[in-house]
């Protein structure tokens, strides 16, 4: 893993489903923040279509990611180690990240 990618990964700036890192200032794919684990998930990694994505951003409804729903296991390899989950906090209620 290159240095910039490992730095983003160490900060927790990656999708825990596909393990692709992202930069908050230059997001390639739309992402949604899970209100239960506080991690950012690519909409495509959780099969969120454009209509549902827009609804999440506008309605402020709670979003529970595919991992928290137990529908998918996290994947790790020698370059990606499990990151400690942050403390439970107030829900973000439909917080979305766009390009």
C-alpha atoms as a PDB file:
ATOM      1  CA  UNK A   1       0.000   0.000   0.000  1.00  0.00           C
ATOM      2  CA  UNK A   2       1.416   3.420  -0.898  1.00  0.00           C
ATOM      3  CA  UNK A   3       2.127   5.993   1.793  1.00  0.00           C
ATOM      4  CA  UNK A   4      -0.852   8.326   1.046  1.00  0.00           C
ATOM      5  CA  UNK A   5      -3.250   5.364   1.023  1.00  0.00           C
ATOM      6  CA  UNK A   6      -1.858   3.941   4.260  1.00  0.00           C
ATOM      7  CA  UNK A   7      -2.157   7.386   5.885  1.00  0.00           C
ATOM      8  CA  UNK A   8      -5.823   7.608   4.866  1.00  0.00           C
ATOM      9  CA  UNK A   9      -6.415   4.058   6.066  1.00  0.00           C
ATOM     10  CA  UNK A  10      -4.803   4.812   9.435  1.00  0.00           C
ATOM     11  CA  UNK A  11      -7.171   7.781   9.803  1.00  0.00           C
ATOM     12  CA  UNK A  12     -10.131   5.514   9.089  1.00  0.00           C
ATOM     13  CA  UNK A  13     -10.813   7.165   5.720  1.00  0.00           C
ATOM     14  CA  UNK A  14     -11.824   4.004   3.895  1.00  0.00           C
ATOM     15  CA  UNK A  15     -14.955   2.090   3.055  1.00  0.00           C
ATOM     16  CA  UNK A  16     -15.022  -0.965   5.373  1.00  0.00           C
ATOM     17  CA  UNK A  17     -16.843  -2.999   2.716  1.00  0.00           C
ATOM     18  CA  UNK A  18     -14.417  -2.637  -0.223  1.00  0.00           C
ATOM     19  CA  UNK A  19     -11.455  -1.201   1.750  1.00  0.00           C
ATOM     20  CA  UNK A  20     -10.970   1.579  -0.817  1.00  0.00           C
ATOM     21  CA  UNK A  21      -9.551   4.715   0.809  1.00  0.00           C
ATOM     22  CA  UNK A  22     -11.027   8.151   0.178  1.00  0.00           C
ATOM     23  CA  UNK A  23     -10.079  11.776   0.687  1.00  0.00           C
ATOM     24  CA  UNK A  24     -12.784  13.965   2.227  1.00  0.00           C
ATOM     25  CA  UNK A  25     -11.814  16.748  -0.194  1.00  0.00           C
ATOM     26  CA  UNK A  26     -11.947  14.605  -3.345  1.00  0.00           C
ATOM     27  CA  UNK A  27     -14.591  11.885  -3.137  1.00  0.00           C
ATOM     28  CA  UNK A  28     -14.887   9.826  -6.327  1.00  0.00           C
ATOM     29  CA  UNK A  29     -17.986   7.833  -5.378  1.00  0.00           C
ATOM     30  CA  UNK A  30     -20.984   8.935  -3.284  1.00  0.00           C
ATOM     31  CA  UNK A  31     -20.809   7.717   0.310  1.00  0.00           C
ATOM     32  CA  UNK A  32     -23.149   7.540   3.298  1.00  0.00           C
ATOM     33  CA  UNK A  33     -22.150   7.627   6.970  1.00  0.00           C
ATOM     34  CA  UNK A  34     -23.591   4.815   9.087  1.00  0.00           C
ATOM     35  CA  UNK A  35     -25.401   6.155  12.145  1.00  0.00           C
ATOM     36  CA  UNK A  36     -24.464   3.053  14.138  1.00  0.00           C
ATOM     37  CA  UNK A  37     -20.721   2.566  13.482  1.00  0.00           C
ATOM     38  CA  UNK A  38     -19.864   6.070  12.199  1.00  0.00           C
ATOM     39  CA  UNK A  39     -18.055   4.713   9.135  1.00  0.00           C
ATOM     40  CA  UNK A  40     -18.441   5.882   5.540  1.00  0.00           C
ATOM     41  CA  UNK A  41     -19.790   3.334   3.037  1.00  0.00           C
ATOM     42  CA  UNK A  42     -19.835   3.697  -0.762  1.00  0.00           C
ATOM     43  CA  UNK A  43     -23.413   3.706  -1.982  1.00  0.00           C
ATOM     44  CA  UNK A  44     -22.510   0.972  -4.481  1.00  0.00           C
ATOM     45  CA  UNK A  45     -21.091  -1.222  -1.699  1.00  0.00           C
ATOM     46  CA  UNK A  46     -24.504  -1.210   0.018  1.00  0.00           C
ATOM     47  CA  UNK A  47     -26.630  -1.229  -3.162  1.00  0.00           C
ATOM     48  CA  UNK A  48     -28.039   2.241  -2.465  1.00  0.00           C
ATOM     49  CA  UNK A  49     -29.550   3.672  -5.633  1.00  0.00           C
ATOM     50  CA  UNK A  50     -29.654   7.384  -6.503  1.00  0.00           C
ATOM     51  CA  UNK A  51     -33.223   7.786  -5.241  1.00  0.00           C
ATOM     52  CA  UNK A  52     -32.462   6.237  -1.831  1.00  0.00           C
ATOM     53  CA  UNK A  53     -29.214   8.239  -1.589  1.00  0.00           C
ATOM     54  CA  UNK A  54     -31.057  11.504  -2.229  1.00  0.00           C
ATOM     55  CA  UNK A  55     -33.748  10.544   0.275  1.00  0.00           C
ATOM     56  CA  UNK A  56     -31.122   9.864   2.976  1.00  0.00           C
ATOM     57  CA  UNK A  57     -29.562  13.277   2.444  1.00  0.00           C
ATOM     58  CA  UNK A  58     -32.838  15.175   2.434  1.00  0.00           C
ATOM     59  CA  UNK A  59     -34.888  13.350   5.055  1.00  0.00           C
ATOM     60  CA  UNK A  60     -32.310  13.008   7.803  1.00  0.00           C
ATOM     61  CA  UNK A  61     -33.433   9.433   8.427  1.00  0.00           C
ATOM     62  CA  UNK A  62     -31.143   6.956  10.169  1.00  0.00           C
ATOM     63  CA  UNK A  63     -28.870   4.810   8.014  1.00  0.00           C
ATOM     64  CA  UNK A  64     -27.624   1.401   9.168  1.00  0.00           C
ATOM     65  CA  UNK A  65     -24.899   0.005   6.919  1.00  0.00           C
ATOM     66  CA  UNK A  66     -24.665  -3.469   5.426  1.00  0.00           C
ATOM     67  CA  UNK A  67     -22.072  -4.455   8.057  1.00  0.00           C
ATOM     68  CA  UNK A  68     -24.123  -3.289  11.046  1.00  0.00           C
ATOM     69  CA  UNK A  69     -27.186  -5.042   9.606  1.00  0.00           C
ATOM     70  CA  UNK A  70     -25.092  -8.256   9.570  1.00  0.00           C
ATOM     71  CA  UNK A  71     -25.595  -8.822   5.846  1.00  0.00           C
ATOM     72  CA  UNK A  72     -21.869  -8.804   5.057  1.00  0.00           C
ATOM     73  CA  UNK A  73     -18.665  -9.637   6.914  1.00  0.00           C
ATOM     74  CA  UNK A  74     -15.720  -7.245   6.955  1.00  0.00           C
ATOM     75  CA  UNK A  75     -12.781  -8.293   4.774  1.00  0.00           C
ATOM     76  CA  UNK A  76      -9.156  -7.991   5.841  1.00  0.00           C
ATOM     77  CA  UNK A  77      -5.833  -8.985   4.360  1.00  0.00           C
ATOM     78  CA  UNK A  78      -2.177  -8.483   5.270  1.00  0.00           C
ATOM     79  CA  UNK A  79      -2.378  -4.785   4.313  1.00  0.00           C
ATOM     80  CA  UNK A  80      -5.685  -3.997   6.015  1.00  0.00           C
ATOM     81  CA  UNK A  81      -6.113  -4.514   9.727  1.00  0.00           C
ATOM     82  CA  UNK A  82      -9.335  -4.142  11.634  1.00  0.00           C
ATOM     83  CA  UNK A  83      -9.757  -0.586  12.850  1.00  0.00           C
ATOM     84  CA  UNK A  84     -11.121  -0.019  16.334  1.00  0.00           C
ATOM     85  CA  UNK A  85     -14.669   1.280  16.118  1.00  0.00           C
ATOM     86  CA  UNK A  86     -15.237   4.698  17.562  1.00  0.00           C
ATOM     87  CA  UNK A  87     -17.379   5.262  20.630  1.00  0.00           C
ATOM     88  CA  UNK A  88     -21.099   5.373  20.044  1.00  0.00           C
ATOM     89  CA  UNK A  89     -22.194   8.953  19.475  1.00  0.00           C
ATOM     90  CA  UNK A  90     -25.195  10.938  18.368  1.00  0.00           C
ATOM     91  CA  UNK A  91     -26.600   9.754  14.998  1.00  0.00           C
ATOM     92  CA  UNK A  92     -25.587  11.689  11.889  1.00  0.00           C
ATOM     93  CA  UNK A  93     -29.065  11.248  10.435  1.00  0.00           C
ATOM     94  CA  UNK A  94     -28.580  11.019   6.699  1.00  0.00           C
ATOM     95  CA  UNK A  95     -25.076  12.465   6.479  1.00  0.00           C
ATOM     96  CA  UNK A  96     -23.863  12.008   2.900  1.00  0.00           C
ATOM     97  CA  UNK A  97     -20.538  12.672   1.168  1.00  0.00           C
ATOM     98  CA  UNK A  98     -20.566  13.673  -2.483  1.00  0.00           C
ATOM     99  CA  UNK A  99     -18.014  14.665  -5.071  1.00  0.00           C
END
